[in-house]
């Protein structure tokens, strides 16, 4: 069994389908709840906690993903493998109102 390897836009589209009503502002609000030191960034563990929390509106969507799927999504945004991602960057990548130019994808990817 070979694991599925998602391309950037394929995984983003999968995330959008799992969270169809999540805007950039709603993602930002949710992630800020898990920004423990208020520096505008979250770790992977914070991200997982945010989407899987019993109070998260995303719990039945992206919150049902496996840790591996969430990590693949995280790694698309944490391109420097720093282990921490700016909330605005992550929110823009995950939001339905995000544009291809913001994600770094070309129009041909859509």
N, C-alpha and C. Protein backbone atom coordinates (compact mmCIF):
# COMPACT_ATOMS: atom_id res chain seq x y z
N UNK A 1 0.82 -1.19 0.00
CA UNK A 1 0.00 0.00 0.00
C UNK A 1 0.86 1.25 0.00
N UNK A 2 0.74 2.03 -1.04
CA UNK A 2 1.42 3.32 -1.11
C UNK A 2 0.50 4.39 -0.55
N UNK A 3 1.02 5.23 0.32
CA UNK A 3 0.18 6.30 0.84
C UNK A 3 -0.16 7.30 -0.26
N UNK A 4 -1.33 7.90 -0.15
CA UNK A 4 -1.75 8.91 -1.11
C UNK A 4 -0.92 10.16 -0.86
N UNK A 5 -0.36 10.72 -1.91
CA UNK A 5 0.36 11.97 -1.80
C UNK A 5 -0.46 13.01 -2.55
N UNK A 6 -0.88 14.03 -1.84
CA UNK A 6 -1.74 15.05 -2.40
C UNK A 6 -0.92 16.20 -2.98
N UNK A 7 -1.35 16.70 -4.10
CA UNK A 7 -0.78 17.93 -4.64
C UNK A 7 -1.40 19.09 -3.88
N UNK A 8 -0.70 20.20 -3.86
CA UNK A 8 -1.11 21.38 -3.09
C UNK A 8 -2.58 21.76 -3.32
N UNK A 9 -2.96 21.98 -4.55
CA UNK A 9 -4.33 22.43 -4.83
C UNK A 9 -5.35 21.33 -4.60
N UNK A 10 -4.98 20.06 -4.82
CA UNK A 10 -5.90 18.96 -4.55
C UNK A 10 -6.24 18.90 -3.06
N UNK A 11 -5.21 19.03 -2.23
CA UNK A 11 -5.42 18.98 -0.79
C UNK A 11 -6.19 20.21 -0.31
N UNK A 12 -5.89 21.35 -0.88
CA UNK A 12 -6.64 22.56 -0.52
C UNK A 12 -8.11 22.40 -0.89
N UNK A 13 -8.40 21.85 -2.07
CA UNK A 13 -9.79 21.64 -2.48
C UNK A 13 -10.49 20.66 -1.56
N UNK A 14 -9.77 19.63 -1.14
CA UNK A 14 -10.34 18.67 -0.19
C UNK A 14 -10.68 19.37 1.12
N UNK A 15 -9.80 20.26 1.59
CA UNK A 15 -10.06 21.02 2.81
C UNK A 15 -11.26 21.93 2.63
N UNK A 16 -11.38 22.57 1.47
CA UNK A 16 -12.52 23.45 1.21
C UNK A 16 -13.83 22.69 1.20
N UNK A 17 -13.83 21.49 0.65
CA UNK A 17 -15.03 20.67 0.65
C UNK A 17 -15.42 20.26 2.07
N UNK A 18 -14.42 20.04 2.91
CA UNK A 18 -14.68 19.65 4.30
C UNK A 18 -15.13 20.83 5.16
N UNK A 19 -14.84 22.04 4.70
CA UNK A 19 -15.18 23.24 5.47
C UNK A 19 -15.79 24.28 4.54
N UNK A 20 -16.92 23.98 3.90
CA UNK A 20 -17.44 24.84 2.85
C UNK A 20 -17.85 26.25 3.28
N UNK A 21 -18.18 26.44 4.54
CA UNK A 21 -18.64 27.76 4.96
C UNK A 21 -17.57 28.55 5.71
N UNK A 22 -16.37 28.00 5.82
CA UNK A 22 -15.31 28.67 6.59
C UNK A 22 -14.64 29.76 5.77
N UNK A 23 -14.76 30.98 6.25
CA UNK A 23 -14.11 32.12 5.59
C UNK A 23 -12.74 32.35 6.22
N UNK A 24 -11.99 33.24 5.63
CA UNK A 24 -10.68 33.61 6.18
C UNK A 24 -10.84 34.15 7.61
N UNK A 25 -11.87 34.97 7.83
CA UNK A 25 -12.11 35.53 9.16
C UNK A 25 -12.49 34.46 10.18
N UNK A 26 -13.32 33.49 9.77
CA UNK A 26 -13.71 32.45 10.73
C UNK A 26 -12.54 31.54 11.07
N UNK A 27 -11.69 31.22 10.08
CA UNK A 27 -10.48 30.44 10.37
C UNK A 27 -9.57 31.23 11.32
N UNK A 28 -9.40 32.51 11.02
CA UNK A 28 -8.52 33.34 11.84
C UNK A 28 -9.02 33.40 13.28
N UNK A 29 -10.33 33.59 13.45
CA UNK A 29 -10.91 33.63 14.80
C UNK A 29 -10.66 32.32 15.53
N UNK A 30 -10.94 31.20 14.87
CA UNK A 30 -10.76 29.90 15.50
C UNK A 30 -9.31 29.67 15.91
N UNK A 31 -8.39 29.94 15.01
CA UNK A 31 -6.97 29.69 15.30
C UNK A 31 -6.44 30.62 16.39
N UNK A 32 -6.94 31.83 16.44
CA UNK A 32 -6.50 32.75 17.51
C UNK A 32 -6.86 32.23 18.89
N UNK A 33 -7.91 31.43 18.98
CA UNK A 33 -8.30 30.84 20.27
C UNK A 33 -7.22 29.89 20.79
N UNK A 34 -6.37 29.39 19.90
CA UNK A 34 -5.33 28.43 20.26
C UNK A 34 -3.92 29.02 20.19
N UNK A 35 -3.84 30.30 19.98
CA UNK A 35 -2.56 31.01 19.95
C UNK A 35 -2.21 31.36 21.40
N UNK A 36 -1.55 30.44 22.07
CA UNK A 36 -1.32 30.54 23.52
C UNK A 36 -0.50 31.75 23.94
N UNK A 37 0.46 32.16 23.12
CA UNK A 37 1.30 33.29 23.51
C UNK A 37 0.94 34.58 22.76
N UNK A 38 -0.17 34.55 22.03
CA UNK A 38 -0.69 35.72 21.32
C UNK A 38 0.34 36.36 20.38
N UNK A 39 1.14 35.53 19.71
CA UNK A 39 2.13 36.06 18.77
C UNK A 39 1.66 36.00 17.31
N UNK A 40 0.41 35.56 17.09
CA UNK A 40 -0.12 35.51 15.74
C UNK A 40 0.23 34.24 14.99
N UNK A 41 0.76 33.23 15.71
CA UNK A 41 1.17 31.97 15.08
C UNK A 41 0.62 30.79 15.88
N UNK A 42 0.52 29.64 15.21
CA UNK A 42 0.12 28.41 15.88
C UNK A 42 1.06 27.28 15.48
N UNK A 43 1.16 26.29 16.35
CA UNK A 43 1.92 25.08 16.04
C UNK A 43 0.97 24.06 15.42
N UNK A 44 1.53 22.97 14.93
CA UNK A 44 0.70 21.90 14.38
C UNK A 44 -0.25 21.38 15.45
N UNK A 45 0.24 21.17 16.67
CA UNK A 45 -0.62 20.67 17.74
C UNK A 45 -1.77 21.63 18.03
N UNK A 46 -1.48 22.94 17.99
CA UNK A 46 -2.54 23.94 18.17
C UNK A 46 -3.58 23.82 17.06
N UNK A 47 -3.11 23.65 15.83
CA UNK A 47 -3.99 23.51 14.67
C UNK A 47 -4.90 22.29 14.84
N UNK A 48 -4.33 21.16 15.22
CA UNK A 48 -5.12 19.94 15.42
C UNK A 48 -6.14 20.16 16.53
N UNK A 49 -5.71 20.76 17.63
CA UNK A 49 -6.64 21.04 18.73
C UNK A 49 -7.78 21.93 18.27
N UNK A 50 -7.47 22.93 17.47
CA UNK A 50 -8.48 23.87 16.99
C UNK A 50 -9.55 23.18 16.15
N UNK A 51 -9.14 22.32 15.24
CA UNK A 51 -10.13 21.70 14.34
C UNK A 51 -10.83 20.51 14.97
N UNK A 52 -10.23 19.88 15.98
CA UNK A 52 -10.84 18.70 16.59
C UNK A 52 -11.53 18.98 17.92
N UNK A 53 -11.48 20.20 18.39
CA UNK A 53 -12.13 20.57 19.64
C UNK A 53 -13.62 20.27 19.58
N UNK A 54 -14.18 19.87 20.72
CA UNK A 54 -15.61 19.57 20.76
C UNK A 54 -16.46 20.82 20.49
N UNK A 55 -15.87 22.00 20.64
CA UNK A 55 -16.61 23.24 20.38
C UNK A 55 -16.31 23.80 18.99
N UNK A 56 -15.45 23.15 18.24
CA UNK A 56 -15.07 23.65 16.91
C UNK A 56 -16.19 23.42 15.91
N UNK A 57 -16.53 24.46 15.13
CA UNK A 57 -17.52 24.26 14.08
C UNK A 57 -17.00 23.38 12.94
N UNK A 58 -15.70 23.09 12.96
CA UNK A 58 -15.09 22.28 11.91
C UNK A 58 -14.93 20.82 12.31
N UNK A 59 -15.35 20.49 13.52
CA UNK A 59 -15.14 19.14 14.07
C UNK A 59 -15.73 18.06 13.17
N UNK A 60 -16.85 18.31 12.54
CA UNK A 60 -17.46 17.29 11.70
C UNK A 60 -16.97 17.33 10.26
N UNK A 61 -16.14 18.31 9.94
CA UNK A 61 -15.57 18.40 8.60
C UNK A 61 -14.11 18.01 8.63
N UNK A 62 -13.26 19.01 8.56
CA UNK A 62 -11.81 18.78 8.55
C UNK A 62 -11.35 18.15 9.88
N UNK A 63 -12.13 18.33 10.93
CA UNK A 63 -11.80 17.75 12.23
C UNK A 63 -11.87 16.23 12.25
N UNK A 64 -12.46 15.63 11.22
CA UNK A 64 -12.53 14.17 11.14
C UNK A 64 -11.34 13.57 10.40
N UNK A 65 -10.50 14.44 9.84
CA UNK A 65 -9.34 13.94 9.11
C UNK A 65 -8.36 13.25 10.05
N UNK A 66 -7.60 12.33 9.50
CA UNK A 66 -6.57 11.65 10.29
C UNK A 66 -5.42 12.63 10.56
N UNK A 67 -4.61 12.30 11.53
CA UNK A 67 -3.46 13.15 11.83
C UNK A 67 -2.54 13.25 10.62
N UNK A 68 -2.40 12.17 9.87
CA UNK A 68 -1.56 12.19 8.68
C UNK A 68 -2.08 13.18 7.64
N UNK A 69 -3.40 13.19 7.42
CA UNK A 69 -3.99 14.12 6.47
C UNK A 69 -3.81 15.57 6.94
N UNK A 70 -4.03 15.79 8.23
CA UNK A 70 -3.85 17.15 8.77
C UNK A 70 -2.39 17.58 8.67
N UNK A 71 -1.47 16.64 8.90
CA UNK A 71 -0.04 16.98 8.80
C UNK A 71 0.34 17.32 7.36
N UNK A 72 -0.19 16.59 6.38
CA UNK A 72 0.08 16.90 4.98
C UNK A 72 -0.41 18.31 4.64
N UNK A 73 -1.60 18.63 5.12
CA UNK A 73 -2.14 19.97 4.90
C UNK A 73 -1.26 21.02 5.56
N UNK A 74 -0.86 20.76 6.80
CA UNK A 74 0.02 21.67 7.55
C UNK A 74 1.33 21.90 6.81
N UNK A 75 1.91 20.83 6.29
CA UNK A 75 3.21 20.94 5.62
C UNK A 75 3.16 21.78 4.35
N UNK A 76 1.99 21.86 3.74
CA UNK A 76 1.84 22.72 2.57
C UNK A 76 1.99 24.19 2.94
N UNK A 77 1.59 24.53 4.15
CA UNK A 77 1.66 25.91 4.60
C UNK A 77 2.98 26.19 5.32
N UNK A 78 3.46 25.21 6.08
CA UNK A 78 4.72 25.34 6.82
C UNK A 78 5.87 24.93 5.92
N UNK A 79 6.07 25.69 4.85
CA UNK A 79 7.04 25.31 3.84
C UNK A 79 8.48 25.36 4.33
N UNK A 80 8.76 26.11 5.35
CA UNK A 80 10.11 26.17 5.90
C UNK A 80 10.34 25.13 6.99
N UNK A 81 9.33 24.30 7.25
CA UNK A 81 9.40 23.28 8.30
C UNK A 81 9.84 23.86 9.64
N UNK A 82 9.29 25.02 9.96
CA UNK A 82 9.62 25.69 11.22
C UNK A 82 8.80 25.15 12.39
N UNK A 83 7.70 24.47 12.09
CA UNK A 83 6.84 23.94 13.13
C UNK A 83 5.84 24.95 13.65
N UNK A 84 5.84 26.13 13.06
CA UNK A 84 4.93 27.19 13.47
C UNK A 84 4.51 27.96 12.22
N UNK A 85 3.23 28.33 12.17
CA UNK A 85 2.71 29.01 10.99
C UNK A 85 1.92 30.24 11.44
N UNK A 86 2.08 31.31 10.69
CA UNK A 86 1.34 32.54 10.92
C UNK A 86 -0.15 32.27 10.70
N UNK A 87 -0.97 32.74 11.62
CA UNK A 87 -2.42 32.51 11.53
C UNK A 87 -3.00 33.10 10.25
N UNK A 88 -2.57 34.27 9.86
CA UNK A 88 -3.10 34.90 8.64
C UNK A 88 -2.78 34.06 7.40
N UNK A 89 -1.58 33.51 7.35
CA UNK A 89 -1.17 32.67 6.22
C UNK A 89 -2.00 31.40 6.17
N UNK A 90 -2.14 30.73 7.31
CA UNK A 90 -2.91 29.48 7.37
C UNK A 90 -4.38 29.75 7.06
N UNK A 91 -4.93 30.81 7.62
CA UNK A 91 -6.34 31.16 7.37
C UNK A 91 -6.58 31.43 5.90
N UNK A 92 -5.68 32.16 5.26
CA UNK A 92 -5.83 32.46 3.84
C UNK A 92 -5.77 31.21 2.99
N UNK A 93 -4.88 30.29 3.34
CA UNK A 93 -4.76 29.05 2.57
C UNK A 93 -6.01 28.19 2.69
N UNK A 94 -6.61 28.15 3.86
CA UNK A 94 -7.74 27.27 4.12
C UNK A 94 -9.10 27.85 3.78
N UNK A 95 -9.18 29.14 3.57
CA UNK A 95 -10.47 29.81 3.42
C UNK A 95 -11.07 29.69 2.04
N UNK A 96 -12.39 29.63 2.02
CA UNK A 96 -13.11 29.56 0.75
C UNK A 96 -12.96 30.84 -0.05
N UNK A 97 -12.71 31.96 0.64
CA UNK A 97 -12.59 33.24 -0.07
C UNK A 97 -11.15 33.60 -0.39
N UNK A 98 -10.28 32.60 -0.35
CA UNK A 98 -8.86 32.77 -0.68
C UNK A 98 -8.72 32.72 -2.19
N UNK A 99 -7.80 33.49 -2.75
CA UNK A 99 -7.59 33.49 -4.20
C UNK A 99 -6.35 32.68 -4.53
N UNK A 100 -6.25 32.13 -5.75
CA UNK A 100 -5.07 31.34 -6.13
C UNK A 100 -3.77 32.10 -5.97
N UNK A 101 -3.77 33.41 -6.24
CA UNK A 101 -2.54 34.18 -6.14
C UNK A 101 -2.00 34.19 -4.71
N UNK A 102 -2.88 34.21 -3.73
CA UNK A 102 -2.45 34.23 -2.33
C UNK A 102 -1.77 32.94 -1.93
N UNK A 103 -2.19 31.82 -2.48
CA UNK A 103 -1.61 30.54 -2.10
C UNK A 103 -0.32 30.26 -2.84
N UNK A 104 -0.01 31.06 -3.83
CA UNK A 104 1.18 30.82 -4.61
C UNK A 104 0.91 29.90 -5.79
N UNK A 105 -0.34 29.50 -5.96
CA UNK A 105 -0.67 28.61 -7.06
C UNK A 105 -0.94 29.45 -8.31
N UNK A 106 -0.69 28.87 -9.44
CA UNK A 106 -0.96 29.57 -10.69
C UNK A 106 -2.39 29.30 -11.11
N UNK A 107 -2.88 30.08 -12.03
CA UNK A 107 -4.25 29.89 -12.51
C UNK A 107 -4.42 28.53 -13.18
N UNK A 108 -3.36 27.98 -13.73
CA UNK A 108 -3.44 26.67 -14.38
C UNK A 108 -3.73 25.56 -13.38
N UNK A 109 -3.41 25.79 -12.08
CA UNK A 109 -3.65 24.77 -11.06
C UNK A 109 -5.12 24.63 -10.72
N UNK A 110 -5.92 25.61 -11.09
CA UNK A 110 -7.33 25.58 -10.71
C UNK A 110 -8.19 24.94 -11.77
